[in-house]
Amino acid sequence: LGKRQWRIHNPSEVIVEFQMEKRLNARSVAAEPEAEYGKQN
């Protein structure tokens, strides 16, 4: 990403581990084990 001019540490360009509330397809699209991040995000 850095080679393509994306500055990873600049949150106005890239958000690393962008947190979102589970809204759609929450059961079928679980990103990580629930114990690690919680059930709502």
Full PDB file with SEQRES, HELIX, SHEET, SSBOND, CRYST1, ORIGX, SCALE, CONECT and MASTER records, all heavy atoms in Angstrom:
SEQRES   1 A   41  LEU GLY LYS ARG GLN TRP ARG ILE HIS ASN PRO SER GLU          
SEQRES   2 A   41  VAL ILE VAL GLU PHE GLN MET GLU LYS ARG LEU ASN ALA          
SEQRES   3 A   41  ARG SER VAL ALA ALA GLU PRO GLU ALA GLU TYR GLY LYS          
SEQRES   4 A   41  GLN ASN                                                      
HELIX    1 AA1 GLY A    2  ARG A    4  5                                   3    
HELIX    2 AA2 GLU A   34  TYR A   37  1                                   4    
CRYST1    1.000    1.000    1.000  90.00  90.00  90.00 P 1           1          
ORIGX1      1.000000  0.000000  0.000000        0.00000                         
ORIGX2      0.000000  1.000000  0.000000        0.00000                         
ORIGX3      0.000000  0.000000  1.000000        0.00000                         
SCALE1      1.000000  0.000000  0.000000        0.00000                         
SCALE2      0.000000  1.000000  0.000000        0.00000                         
SCALE3      0.000000  0.000000  1.000000        0.00000                         
ATOM      1  N   LEU A   1       0.838  -1.201   0.000  1.00  0.00           N  
ATOM      2  CA  LEU A   1       0.000   0.000   0.000  1.00  0.00           C  
ATOM      3  C   LEU A   1       0.877   1.257   0.000  1.00  0.00           C  
ATOM      4  O   LEU A   1       0.571   2.238  -0.689  1.00  0.00           O  
ATOM      5  CB  LEU A   1      -0.939  -0.004   1.215  1.00  0.00           C  
ATOM      6  CG  LEU A   1      -2.127  -0.958   1.129  1.00  0.00           C  
ATOM      7  CD1 LEU A   1      -2.815  -1.096   2.487  1.00  0.00           C  
ATOM      8  CD2 LEU A   1      -3.118  -0.512   0.076  1.00  0.00           C  
ATOM      9  N   GLY A   2       1.966   1.226   0.744  1.00  0.00           N  
ATOM     10  CA  GLY A   2       2.894   2.355   0.779  1.00  0.00           C  
ATOM     11  C   GLY A   2       3.494   2.656  -0.592  1.00  0.00           C  
ATOM     12  O   GLY A   2       3.711   3.814  -0.947  1.00  0.00           O  
ATOM     13  N   LYS A   3       3.762   1.624  -1.370  1.00  0.00           N  
ATOM     14  CA  LYS A   3       4.295   1.824  -2.727  1.00  0.00           C  
ATOM     15  C   LYS A   3       3.315   2.582  -3.612  1.00  0.00           C  
ATOM     16  O   LYS A   3       3.700   3.199  -4.590  1.00  0.00           O  
ATOM     17  CB  LYS A   3       4.607   0.474  -3.379  1.00  0.00           C  
ATOM     18  CG  LYS A   3       5.824  -0.210  -2.841  1.00  0.00           C  
ATOM     19  CD  LYS A   3       6.031  -1.528  -3.559  1.00  0.00           C  
ATOM     20  CE  LYS A   3       7.162  -2.323  -2.964  1.00  0.00           C  
ATOM     21  NZ  LYS A   3       7.303  -3.635  -3.628  1.00  0.00           N  
ATOM     22  N   ARG A   4       2.047   2.516  -3.270  1.00  0.00           N  
ATOM     23  CA  ARG A   4       1.001   3.206  -4.041  1.00  0.00           C  
ATOM     24  C   ARG A   4       0.564   4.501  -3.372  1.00  0.00           C  
ATOM     25  O   ARG A   4      -0.551   4.973  -3.579  1.00  0.00           O  
ATOM     26  CB  ARG A   4      -0.204   2.280  -4.229  1.00  0.00           C  
ATOM     27  CG  ARG A   4       0.118   1.015  -4.954  1.00  0.00           C  
ATOM     28  CD  ARG A   4       0.498   1.290  -6.388  1.00  0.00           C  
ATOM     29  NE  ARG A   4       0.599   0.026  -7.102  1.00  0.00           N  
ATOM     30  CZ  ARG A   4       1.598  -0.283  -7.897  1.00  0.00           C  
ATOM     31  NH1 ARG A   4       2.577   0.571  -8.081  1.00  0.00           N  
ATOM     32  NH2 ARG A   4       1.627  -1.439  -8.508  1.00  0.00           N  
ATOM     33  N   GLN A   5       1.424   5.043  -2.531  1.00  0.00           N  
ATOM     34  CA  GLN A   5       1.218   6.351  -1.891  1.00  0.00           C  
ATOM     35  C   GLN A   5       0.162   6.360  -0.800  1.00  0.00           C  
ATOM     36  O   GLN A   5      -0.326   7.426  -0.414  1.00  0.00           O  
ATOM     37  CB  GLN A   5       0.884   7.437  -2.926  1.00  0.00           C  
ATOM     38  CG  GLN A   5       1.721   7.451  -4.186  1.00  0.00           C  
ATOM     39  CD  GLN A   5       3.207   7.454  -3.936  1.00  0.00           C  
ATOM     40  OE1 GLN A   5       3.669   8.246  -3.148  1.00  0.00           O  
ATOM     41  NE2 GLN A   5       3.944   6.570  -4.577  1.00  0.00           N  
ATOM     42  N   TRP A   6      -0.232   5.207  -0.285  1.00  0.00           N  
ATOM     43  CA  TRP A   6      -1.151   5.160   0.845  1.00  0.00           C  
ATOM     44  C   TRP A   6      -0.316   5.215   2.110  1.00  0.00           C  
ATOM     45  O   TRP A   6       0.541   4.363   2.334  1.00  0.00           O  
ATOM     46  CB  TRP A   6      -1.991   3.883   0.833  1.00  0.00           C  
ATOM     47  CG  TRP A   6      -2.976   3.827  -0.279  1.00  0.00           C  
ATOM     48  CD1 TRP A   6      -2.857   3.124  -1.445  1.00  0.00           C  
ATOM     49  CD2 TRP A   6      -4.234   4.491  -0.358  1.00  0.00           C  
ATOM     50  NE1 TRP A   6      -3.964   3.318  -2.229  1.00  0.00           N  
ATOM     51  CE2 TRP A   6      -4.821   4.153  -1.581  1.00  0.00           C  
ATOM     52  CE3 TRP A   6      -4.920   5.347   0.507  1.00  0.00           C  
ATOM     53  CZ2 TRP A   6      -6.072   4.629  -1.982  1.00  0.00           C  
ATOM     54  CZ3 TRP A   6      -6.162   5.818   0.118  1.00  0.00           C  
ATOM     55  CH2 TRP A   6      -6.726   5.461  -1.113  1.00  0.00           C  
ATOM     56  N   ARG A   7      -0.570   6.213   2.944  1.00  0.00           N  
ATOM     57  CA  ARG A   7       0.155   6.338   4.213  1.00  0.00           C  
ATOM     58  C   ARG A   7      -0.650   5.630   5.301  1.00  0.00           C  
ATOM     59  O   ARG A   7      -1.639   6.153   5.797  1.00  0.00           O  
ATOM     60  CB  ARG A   7       0.388   7.808   4.542  1.00  0.00           C  
ATOM     61  CG  ARG A   7       1.326   8.472   3.519  1.00  0.00           C  
ATOM     62  CD  ARG A   7       1.555   9.902   3.829  1.00  0.00           C  
ATOM     63  NE  ARG A   7       0.283  10.636   3.649  1.00  0.00           N  
ATOM     64  CZ  ARG A   7       0.121  11.919   3.875  1.00  0.00           C  
ATOM     65  NH1 ARG A   7       1.126  12.646   4.309  1.00  0.00           N  
ATOM     66  NH2 ARG A   7      -1.041  12.507   3.682  1.00  0.00           N  
ATOM     67  N   ILE A   8      -0.177   4.457   5.647  1.00  0.00           N  
ATOM     68  CA  ILE A   8      -0.868   3.571   6.571  1.00  0.00           C  
ATOM     69  C   ILE A   8      -1.138   4.226   7.924  1.00  0.00           C  
ATOM     70  O   ILE A   8      -2.164   3.985   8.546  1.00  0.00           O  
ATOM     71  CB  ILE A   8      -0.046   2.280   6.786  1.00  0.00           C  
ATOM     72  CG1 ILE A   8       0.107   1.527   5.466  1.00  0.00           C  
ATOM     73  CG2 ILE A   8      -0.679   1.372   7.833  1.00  0.00           C  
ATOM     74  CD1 ILE A   8      -1.172   1.059   4.861  1.00  0.00           C  
ATOM     75  N   HIS A   9      -0.228   5.053   8.393  1.00  0.00           N  
ATOM     76  CA  HIS A   9      -0.363   5.645   9.722  1.00  0.00           C  
ATOM     77  C   HIS A   9      -1.103   6.983   9.719  1.00  0.00           C  
ATOM     78  O   HIS A   9      -1.152   7.661  10.730  1.00  0.00           O  
ATOM     79  CB  HIS A   9       1.022   5.795  10.377  1.00  0.00           C  
ATOM     80  CG  HIS A   9       1.723   4.472  10.487  1.00  0.00           C  
ATOM     81  ND1 HIS A   9       1.286   3.480  11.323  1.00  0.00           N  
ATOM     82  CD2 HIS A   9       2.797   3.973   9.846  1.00  0.00           C  
ATOM     83  CE1 HIS A   9       2.070   2.426  11.207  1.00  0.00           C  
ATOM     84  NE2 HIS A   9       2.986   2.702  10.307  1.00  0.00           N  
ATOM     85  N   ASN A  10      -1.687   7.349   8.576  1.00  0.00           N  
ATOM     86  CA  ASN A  10      -2.464   8.576   8.476  1.00  0.00           C  
ATOM     87  C   ASN A  10      -3.948   8.205   8.408  1.00  0.00           C  
ATOM     88  O   ASN A  10      -4.432   7.746   7.368  1.00  0.00           O  
ATOM     89  CB  ASN A  10      -2.050   9.369   7.233  1.00  0.00           C  
ATOM     90  CG  ASN A  10      -2.757  10.690   7.129  1.00  0.00           C  
ATOM     91  OD1 ASN A  10      -3.764  10.939   7.779  1.00  0.00           O  
ATOM     92  ND2 ASN A  10      -2.241  11.561   6.275  1.00  0.00           N  
ATOM     93  N   PRO A  11      -4.705   8.384   9.487  1.00  0.00           N  
ATOM     94  CA  PRO A  11      -6.111   7.962   9.504  1.00  0.00           C  
ATOM     95  C   PRO A  11      -7.026   8.746   8.571  1.00  0.00           C  
ATOM     96  O   PRO A  11      -8.184   8.383   8.411  1.00  0.00           O  
ATOM     97  CB  PRO A  11      -6.524   8.134  10.966  1.00  0.00           C  
ATOM     98  CG  PRO A  11      -5.538   9.072  11.555  1.00  0.00           C  
ATOM     99  CD  PRO A  11      -4.266   8.940  10.764  1.00  0.00           C  
ATOM    100  N   SER A  12      -6.522   9.799   7.942  1.00  0.00           N  
ATOM    101  CA  SER A  12      -7.342  10.478   6.941  1.00  0.00           C  
ATOM    102  C   SER A  12      -7.169   9.835   5.561  1.00  0.00           C  
ATOM    103  O   SER A  12      -7.833  10.227   4.613  1.00  0.00           O  
ATOM    104  CB  SER A  12      -6.998  11.971   6.880  1.00  0.00           C  
ATOM    105  OG  SER A  12      -5.705  12.158   6.365  1.00  0.00           O  
ATOM    106  N   GLU A  13      -6.278   8.850   5.473  1.00  0.00           N  
ATOM    107  CA  GLU A  13      -6.079   8.103   4.229  1.00  0.00           C  
ATOM    108  C   GLU A  13      -6.463   6.639   4.377  1.00  0.00           C  
ATOM    109  O   GLU A  13      -7.104   6.065   3.510  1.00  0.00           O  
ATOM    110  CB  GLU A  13      -4.613   8.182   3.775  1.00  0.00           C  
ATOM    111  CG  GLU A  13      -4.206   9.531   3.269  1.00  0.00           C  
ATOM    112  CD  GLU A  13      -2.796   9.540   2.732  1.00  0.00           C  
ATOM    113  OE1 GLU A  13      -2.286   8.484   2.308  1.00  0.00           O  
ATOM    114  OE2 GLU A  13      -2.182  10.614   2.729  1.00  0.00           O  
ATOM    115  N   VAL A  14      -5.988   6.027   5.472  1.00  0.00           N  
ATOM    116  CA  VAL A  14      -6.194   4.594   5.693  1.00  0.00           C  
ATOM    117  C   VAL A  14      -6.602   4.376   7.143  1.00  0.00           C  
ATOM    118  O   VAL A  14      -5.934   4.863   8.053  1.00  0.00           O  
ATOM    119  CB  VAL A  14      -4.897   3.794   5.414  1.00  0.00           C  
ATOM    120  CG1 VAL A  14      -5.112   2.318   5.670  1.00  0.00           C  
ATOM    121  CG2 VAL A  14      -4.393   4.031   4.001  1.00  0.00           C  
ATOM    122  N   ILE A  15      -7.671   3.640   7.327  1.00  0.00           N  
ATOM    123  CA  ILE A  15      -8.036   3.219   8.671  1.00  0.00           C  
ATOM    124  C   ILE A  15      -7.726   1.731   8.769  1.00  0.00           C  
ATOM    125  O   ILE A  15      -8.291   0.927   8.024  1.00  0.00           O  
ATOM    126  CB  ILE A  15      -9.521   3.482   8.984  1.00  0.00           C  
ATOM    127  CG1 ILE A  15      -9.820   4.980   8.873  1.00  0.00           C  
ATOM    128  CG2 ILE A  15      -9.871   2.959  10.374  1.00  0.00           C  
ATOM    129  CD1 ILE A  15     -11.279   5.330   9.039  1.00  0.00           C  
ATOM    130  N   VAL A  16      -6.803   1.391   9.644  1.00  0.00           N  
ATOM    131  CA  VAL A  16      -6.429  -0.009   9.858  1.00  0.00           C  
ATOM    132  C   VAL A  16      -7.372  -0.576  10.901  1.00  0.00           C  
ATOM    133  O   VAL A  16      -7.652   0.050  11.916  1.00  0.00           O  
ATOM    134  CB  VAL A  16      -4.959  -0.105  10.315  1.00  0.00           C  
ATOM    135  CG1 VAL A  16      -4.566  -1.552  10.569  1.00  0.00           C  
ATOM    136  CG2 VAL A  16      -4.031   0.522   9.280  1.00  0.00           C  
ATOM    137  N   GLU A  17      -7.867  -1.776  10.629  1.00  0.00           N  
ATOM    138  CA  GLU A  17      -8.866  -2.416  11.484  1.00  0.00           C  
ATOM    139  C   GLU A  17     -10.057  -1.494  11.718  1.00  0.00           C  
ATOM    140  O   GLU A  17     -10.376  -1.126  12.837  1.00  0.00           O  
ATOM    141  CB  GLU A  17      -8.255  -2.912  12.793  1.00  0.00           C  
ATOM    142  CG  GLU A  17      -7.323  -4.071  12.578  1.00  0.00           C  
ATOM    143  CD  GLU A  17      -6.979  -4.822  13.848  1.00  0.00           C  
ATOM    144  OE1 GLU A  17      -7.442  -4.438  14.932  1.00  0.00           O  
ATOM    145  OE2 GLU A  17      -6.251  -5.804  13.738  1.00  0.00           O  
ATOM    146  N   PHE A  18     -10.703  -1.143  10.622  1.00  0.00           N  
ATOM    147  CA  PHE A  18     -11.881  -0.277  10.664  1.00  0.00           C  
ATOM    148  C   PHE A  18     -13.020  -1.001  11.381  1.00  0.00           C  
ATOM    149  O   PHE A  18     -13.479  -2.051  10.951  1.00  0.00           O  
ATOM    150  CB  PHE A  18     -12.302   0.101   9.238  1.00  0.00           C  
ATOM    151  CG  PHE A  18     -13.549   0.914   9.169  1.00  0.00           C  
ATOM    152  CD1 PHE A  18     -13.573   2.203   9.661  1.00  0.00           C  
ATOM    153  CD2 PHE A  18     -14.707   0.393   8.610  1.00  0.00           C  
ATOM    154  CE1 PHE A  18     -14.738   2.969   9.594  1.00  0.00           C  
ATOM    155  CE2 PHE A  18     -15.865   1.146   8.538  1.00  0.00           C  
ATOM    156  CZ  PHE A  18     -15.874   2.434   9.036  1.00  0.00           C  
ATOM    157  N   GLN A  19     -13.445  -0.431  12.487  1.00  0.00           N  
ATOM    158  CA  GLN A  19     -14.482  -1.032  13.312  1.00  0.00           C  
ATOM    159  C   GLN A  19     -15.853  -0.621  12.820  1.00  0.00           C  
ATOM    160  O   GLN A  19     -16.101   0.546  12.529  1.00  0.00           O  
ATOM    161  CB  GLN A  19     -14.321  -0.593  14.761  1.00  0.00           C  
ATOM    162  CG  GLN A  19     -15.373  -1.153  15.686  1.00  0.00           C  
ATOM    163  CD  GLN A  19     -15.190  -0.692  17.122  1.00  0.00           C  
ATOM    164  OE1 GLN A  19     -14.151  -0.178  17.488  1.00  0.00           O  
ATOM    165  NE2 GLN A  19     -16.216  -0.874  17.922  1.00  0.00           N  
ATOM    166  N   MET A  20     -16.730  -1.603  12.716  1.00  0.00           N  
ATOM    167  CA  MET A  20     -18.102  -1.314  12.336  1.00  0.00           C  
ATOM    168  C   MET A  20     -19.038  -2.209  13.128  1.00  0.00           C  
ATOM    169  O   MET A  20     -18.656  -3.278  13.583  1.00  0.00           O  
ATOM    170  CB  MET A  20     -18.303  -1.468  10.835  1.00  0.00           C  
ATOM    171  CG  MET A  20     -18.077  -2.855  10.307  1.00  0.00           C  
ATOM    172  SD  MET A  20     -18.087  -2.904   8.523  1.00  0.00           S  
ATOM    173  CE  MET A  20     -16.342  -2.811   8.240  1.00  0.00           C  
ATOM    174  N   GLU A  21     -20.218  -1.730  13.289  1.00  0.00           N  
ATOM    175  CA  GLU A  21     -21.246  -2.498  13.976  1.00  0.00           C  
ATOM    176  C   GLU A  21     -21.733  -3.592  13.041  1.00  0.00           C  
ATOM    177  O   GLU A  21     -21.873  -3.367  11.839  1.00  0.00           O  
ATOM    178  CB  GLU A  21     -22.398  -1.546  14.305  1.00  0.00           C  
ATOM    179  CG  GLU A  21     -23.400  -2.071  15.271  1.00  0.00           C  
ATOM    180  CD  GLU A  21     -24.427  -1.004  15.590  1.00  0.00           C  
ATOM    181  OE1 GLU A  21     -24.037   0.111  15.974  1.00  0.00           O  
ATOM    182  OE2 GLU A  21     -25.623  -1.312  15.421  1.00  0.00           O  
ATOM    183  N   LYS A  22     -21.966  -4.762  13.568  1.00  0.00           N  
ATOM    184  CA  LYS A  22     -22.519  -5.826  12.740  1.00  0.00           C  
ATOM    185  C   LYS A  22     -23.927  -5.428  12.351  1.00  0.00           C  
ATOM    186  O   LYS A  22     -24.776  -5.226  13.198  1.00  0.00           O  
ATOM    187  CB  LYS A  22     -22.532  -7.150  13.497  1.00  0.00           C  
ATOM    188  CG  LYS A  22     -21.171  -7.754  13.659  1.00  0.00           C  
ATOM    189  CD  LYS A  22     -21.262  -9.113  14.293  1.00  0.00           C  
ATOM    190  CE  LYS A  22     -19.861  -9.652  14.486  1.00  0.00           C  
ATOM    191  NZ  LYS A  22     -19.870 -10.965  15.122  1.00  0.00           N  
ATOM    192  N   ARG A  23     -24.153  -5.276  11.064  1.00  0.00           N  
ATOM    193  CA  ARG A  23     -25.467  -4.846  10.587  1.00  0.00           C  
ATOM    194  C   ARG A  23     -26.101  -5.895   9.696  1.00  0.00           C  
ATOM    195  O   ARG A  23     -27.178  -6.368   9.945  1.00  0.00           O  
ATOM    196  CB  ARG A  23     -25.354  -3.551   9.786  1.00  0.00           C  
ATOM    197  CG  ARG A  23     -24.952  -2.366  10.615  1.00  0.00           C  
ATOM    198  CD  ARG A  23     -24.675  -1.197   9.675  1.00  0.00           C  
ATOM    199  NE  ARG A  23     -24.277  -0.040  10.428  1.00  0.00           N  
ATOM    200  CZ  ARG A  23     -25.089   0.950  10.738  1.00  0.00           C  
ATOM    201  NH1 ARG A  23     -26.321   0.934  10.339  1.00  0.00           N  
ATOM    202  NH2 ARG A  23     -24.669   1.966  11.435  1.00  0.00           N  
ATOM    203  N   LEU A  24     -25.415  -6.220   8.613  1.00  0.00           N  
ATOM    204  CA  LEU A  24     -25.968  -7.132   7.618  1.00  0.00           C  
ATOM    205  C   LEU A  24     -25.157  -8.422   7.589  1.00  0.00           C  
ATOM    206  O   LEU A  24     -23.945  -8.399   7.739  1.00  0.00           O  
ATOM    207  CB  LEU A  24     -25.920  -6.476   6.230  1.00  0.00           C  
ATOM    208  CG  LEU A  24     -26.611  -5.135   6.135  1.00  0.00           C  
ATOM    209  CD1 LEU A  24     -26.337  -4.500   4.783  1.00  0.00           C  
ATOM    210  CD2 LEU A  24     -28.103  -5.299   6.325  1.00  0.00           C  
ATOM    211  N   ASN A  25     -25.820  -9.519   7.401  1.00  0.00           N  
ATOM    212  CA  ASN A  25     -25.156 -10.819   7.283  1.00  0.00           C  
ATOM    213  C   ASN A  25     -24.236 -11.103   8.461  1.00  0.00           C  
ATOM    214  O   ASN A  25     -23.197 -11.726   8.300  1.00  0.00           O  
ATOM    215  CB  ASN A  25     -24.335 -10.883   5.982  1.00  0.00           C  
ATOM    216  CG  ASN A  25     -25.182 -10.617   4.772  1.00  0.00           C  
ATOM    217  OD1 ASN A  25     -26.336 -11.005   4.715  1.00  0.00           O  
ATOM    218  ND2 ASN A  25     -24.614  -9.945   3.787  1.00  0.00           N  
ATOM    219  N   ALA A  26     -24.569 -10.640   9.626  1.00  0.00           N  
ATOM    220  CA  ALA A  26     -23.668 -10.747  10.775  1.00  0.00           C  
ATOM    221  C   ALA A  26     -23.316 -12.195  11.090  1.00  0.00           C  
ATOM    222  O   ALA A  26     -22.182 -12.493  11.426  1.00  0.00           O  
ATOM    223  CB  ALA A  26     -24.301 -10.090  12.000  1.00  0.00           C  
ATOM    224  N   ARG A  27     -24.250 -13.100  10.960  1.00  0.00           N  
ATOM    225  CA  ARG A  27     -23.954 -14.490  11.295  1.00  0.00           C  
ATOM    226  C   ARG A  27     -23.075 -15.145  10.254  1.00  0.00           C  
ATOM    227  O   ARG A  27     -22.220 -15.941  10.569  1.00  0.00           O  
ATOM    228  CB  ARG A  27     -25.248 -15.275  11.438  1.00  0.00           C  
ATOM    229  CG  ARG A  27     -26.011 -14.888  12.672  1.00  0.00           C  
ATOM    230  CD  ARG A  27     -27.170 -15.827  12.891  1.00  0.00           C  
ATOM    231  NE  ARG A  27     -27.972 -15.283  13.981  1.00  0.00           N  
ATOM    232  CZ  ARG A  27     -29.271 -15.141  13.930  1.00  0.00           C  
ATOM    233  NH1 ARG A  27     -29.942 -15.501  12.869  1.00  0.00           N  
ATOM    234  NH2 ARG A  27     -29.920 -14.637  14.948  1.00  0.00           N  
ATOM    235  N   SER A  28     -23.288 -14.820   8.996  1.00  0.00           N  
ATOM    236  CA  SER A  28     -22.552 -15.514   7.938  1.00  0.00           C  
ATOM    237  C   SER A  28     -21.222 -14.858   7.598  1.00  0.00           C  
ATOM    238  O   SER A  28     -20.457 -15.402   6.833  1.00  0.00           O  
ATOM    239  CB  SER A  28     -23.413 -15.571   6.666  1.00  0.00           C  
ATOM    240  OG  SER A  28     -23.679 -14.268   6.203  1.00  0.00           O  
ATOM    241  N   VAL A  29     -20.954 -13.701   8.154  1.00  0.00           N  
ATOM    242  CA  VAL A  29     -19.751 -12.980   7.774  1.00  0.00           C  
ATOM    243  C   VAL A  29     -18.896 -12.655   8.997  1.00  0.00           C  
ATOM    244  O   VAL A  29     -18.224 -11.649   9.032  1.00  0.00           O  
ATOM    245  CB  VAL A  29     -20.121 -11.679   7.030  1.00  0.00           C  
ATOM    246  CG1 VAL A  29     -18.910 -11.041   6.413  1.00  0.00           C  
ATOM    247  CG2 VAL A  29     -21.131 -11.947   5.944  1.00  0.00           C  
ATOM    248  N   ALA A  30     -18.900 -13.482   9.998  1.00  0.00           N  
ATOM    249  CA  ALA A  30     -18.098 -13.204  11.193  1.00  0.00           C  
ATOM    250  C   ALA A  30     -16.638 -13.120  10.803  1.00  0.00           C  
ATOM    251  O   ALA A  30     -16.076 -14.052  10.255  1.00  0.00           O  
ATOM    252  CB  ALA A  30     -18.310 -14.287  12.238  1.00  0.00           C  
ATOM    253  N   ALA A  31     -16.027 -11.977  11.075  1.00  0.00           N  
ATOM    254  CA  ALA A  31     -14.656 -11.725  10.649  1.00  0.00           C  
ATOM    255  C   ALA A  31     -13.652 -12.453  11.513  1.00  0.00           C  
ATOM    256  O   ALA A  31     -12.711 -13.031  11.023  1.00  0.00           O  
ATOM    257  CB  ALA A  31     -14.376 -10.228  10.686  1.00  0.00           C  
ATOM    258  N   GLU A  32     -13.819 -12.383  12.786  1.00  0.00           N  
ATOM    259  CA  GLU A  32     -12.870 -12.951  13.742  1.00  0.00           C  
ATOM    260  C   GLU A  32     -13.663 -13.696  14.805  1.00  0.00           C  
ATOM    261  O   GLU A  32     -14.856 -13.490  14.947  1.00  0.00           O  
ATOM    262  CB  GLU A  32     -12.060 -11.815  14.396  1.00  0.00           C  
ATOM    263  CG  GLU A  32     -11.281 -10.967  13.420  1.00  0.00           C  
ATOM    264  CD  GLU A  32     -10.164 -11.708  12.722  1.00  0.00           C  
ATOM    265  OE1 GLU A  32      -9.672 -12.711  13.259  1.00  0.00           O  
ATOM    266  OE2 GLU A  32      -9.786 -11.294  11.625  1.00  0.00           O  
ATOM    267  N   PRO A  33     -13.013 -14.548  15.574  1.00  0.00           N  
ATOM    268  CA  PRO A  33     -13.747 -15.202  16.656  1.00  0.00           C  
ATOM    269  C   PRO A  33     -14.400 -14.171  17.565  1.00  0.00           C  
ATOM    270  O   PRO A  33     -13.796 -13.151  17.896  1.00  0.00           O  
ATOM    271  CB  PRO A  33     -12.647 -15.966  17.409  1.00  0.00           C  
ATOM    272  CG  PRO A  33     -11.554 -16.128  16.413  1.00  0.00           C  
ATOM    273  CD  PRO A  33     -11.627 -14.943  15.497  1.00  0.00           C  
ATOM    274  N   GLU A  34     -15.645 -14.425  17.952  1.00  0.00           N  
ATOM    275  CA  GLU A  34     -16.384 -13.445  18.751  1.00  0.00           C  
ATOM    276  C   GLU A  34     -15.703 -13.129  20.065  1.00  0.00           C  
ATOM    277  O   GLU A  34     -15.777 -12.023  20.559  1.00  0.00           O  
ATOM    278  CB  GLU A  34     -17.805 -13.940  18.992  1.00  0.00           C  
ATOM    279  CG  GLU A  34     -18.653 -13.893  17.734  1.00  0.00           C  
ATOM    280  CD  GLU A  34     -20.079 -14.321  17.981  1.00  0.00           C  
ATOM    281  OE1 GLU A  34     -20.399 -14.843  19.072  1.00  0.00           O  
ATOM    282  OE2 GLU A  34     -20.894 -14.139  17.077  1.00  0.00           O  
ATOM    283  N   ALA A  35     -15.024 -14.104  20.632  1.00  0.00           N  
ATOM    284  CA  ALA A  35     -14.369 -13.878  21.919  1.00  0.00           C  
ATOM    285  C   ALA A  35     -13.285 -12.811  21.814  1.00  0.00           C  
ATOM    286  O   ALA A  35     -13.019 -12.081  22.757  1.00  0.00           O  
ATOM    287  CB  ALA A  35     -13.766 -15.177  22.430  1.00  0.00           C  
ATOM    288  N   GLU A  36     -12.664 -12.710  20.623  1.00  0.00           N  
ATOM    289  CA  GLU A  36     -11.576 -11.748  20.458  1.00  0.00           C  
ATOM    290  C   GLU A  36     -12.075 -10.311  20.372  1.00  0.00           C  
ATOM    291  O   GLU A  36     -11.488  -9.401  20.932  1.00  0.00           O  
ATOM    292  CB  GLU A  36     -10.775 -12.102  19.201  1.00  0.00           C  
ATOM    293  CG  GLU A  36      -9.529 -11.269  19.037  1.00  0.00           C  
ATOM    294  CD  GLU A  36      -8.668 -11.746  17.881  1.00  0.00           C  
ATOM    295  OE1 GLU A  36      -8.861 -12.866  17.410  1.00  0.00           O  
ATOM    296  OE2 GLU A  36      -7.803 -10.955  17.460  1.00  0.00           O  
ATOM    297  N   TYR A  37     -13.158 -10.065  19.650  1.00  0.00           N  
ATOM    298  CA  TYR A  37     -13.610  -8.696  19.426  1.00  0.00           C  
ATOM    299  C   TYR A  37     -14.976  -8.378  20.017  1.00  0.00           C  
ATOM    300  O   TYR A  37     -15.380  -7.246  20.075  1.00  0.00           O  
ATOM    301  CB  TYR A  37     -13.661  -8.391  17.924  1.00  0.00           C  
ATOM    302  CG  TYR A  37     -12.314  -8.257  17.294  1.00  0.00           C  
ATOM    303  CD1 TYR A  37     -11.938  -9.049  16.228  1.00  0.00           C  
ATOM    304  CD2 TYR A  37     -11.397  -7.317  17.768  1.00  0.00           C  
ATOM    305  CE1 TYR A  37     -10.695  -8.919  15.653  1.00  0.00           C  
ATOM    306  CE2 TYR A  37     -10.150  -7.189  17.186  1.00  0.00           C  
ATOM    307  CZ  TYR A  37      -9.818  -7.989  16.131  1.00  0.00           C  
ATOM    308  OH  TYR A  37      -8.598  -7.856  15.554  1.00  0.00           O  
ATOM    309  N   GLY A  38     -15.720  -9.365  20.418  1.00  0.00           N  
ATOM    310  CA  GLY A  38     -17.055  -9.110  20.942  1.00  0.00           C  
ATOM    311  C   GLY A  38     -18.105  -9.382  19.881  1.00  0.00           C  
ATOM    312  O   GLY A  38     -17.796  -9.498  18.707  1.00  0.00           O  
ATOM    313  N   LYS A  39     -19.327  -9.465  20.326  1.00  0.00           N  
ATOM    314  CA  LYS A  39     -20.409  -9.875  19.434  1.00  0.00           C  
ATOM    315  C   LYS A  39     -20.998  -8.742  18.615  1.00  0.00           C  
ATOM    316  O   LYS A  39     -21.625  -8.975  17.601  1.00  0.00           O  
ATOM    317  CB  LYS A  39     -21.517 -10.530  20.254  1.00  0.00           C  
ATOM    318  CG  LYS A  39     -21.078 -11.811  20.913  1.00  0.00           C  
ATOM    319  CD  LYS A  39     -22.212 -12.422  21.695  1.00  0.00           C  
ATOM    320  CE  LYS A  39     -21.733 -13.711  22.355  1.00  0.00           C  
ATOM    321  NZ  LYS A  39     -22.794 -14.362  23.100  1.00  0.00           N  
ATOM    322  N   GLN A  40     -20.823  -7.507  19.007  1.00  0.00           N  
ATOM    323  CA  GLN A  40     -21.495  -6.407  18.342  1.00  0.00           C  
ATOM    324  C   GLN A  40     -20.675  -5.722  17.255  1.00  0.00           C  
ATOM    325  O   GLN A  40     -21.190  -4.905  16.523  1.00  0.00           O  
ATOM    326  CB  GLN A  40     -21.922  -5.356  19.379  1.00  0.00           C  
ATOM    327  CG  GLN A  40     -22.876  -5.896  20.418  1.00  0.00           C  
ATOM    328  CD  GLN A  40     -24.125  -6.512  19.796  1.00  0.00           C  
ATOM    329  OE1 GLN A  40     -24.727  -5.933  18.893  1.00  0.00           O  
ATOM    330  NE2 GLN A  40     -24.509  -7.686  20.256  1.00  0.00           N  
ATOM    331  N   ASN A  41     -19.388  -6.020  17.159  1.00  0.00           N  
ATOM    332  CA  ASN A  41     -18.521  -5.333  16.200  1.00  0.00           C  
ATOM    333  C   ASN A  41     -17.794  -6.317  15.309  1.00  0.00           C  
ATOM    334  O   ASN A  41     -17.605  -7.472  15.652  1.00  0.00           O  
ATOM    335  CB  ASN A  41     -17.487  -4.478  16.943  1.00  0.00           C  
ATOM    336  CG  ASN A  41     -18.136  -3.386  17.751  1.00  0.00           C  
ATOM    337  OD1 ASN A  41     -19.016  -2.692  17.267  1.00  0.00           O  
ATOM    338  ND2 ASN A  41     -17.727  -3.245  18.985  1.00  0.00           N  
TER     339      ASN A  41                                                      
MASTER        0    0    0    2    0    0    0    6  338    1    0    4          
END                                                                             
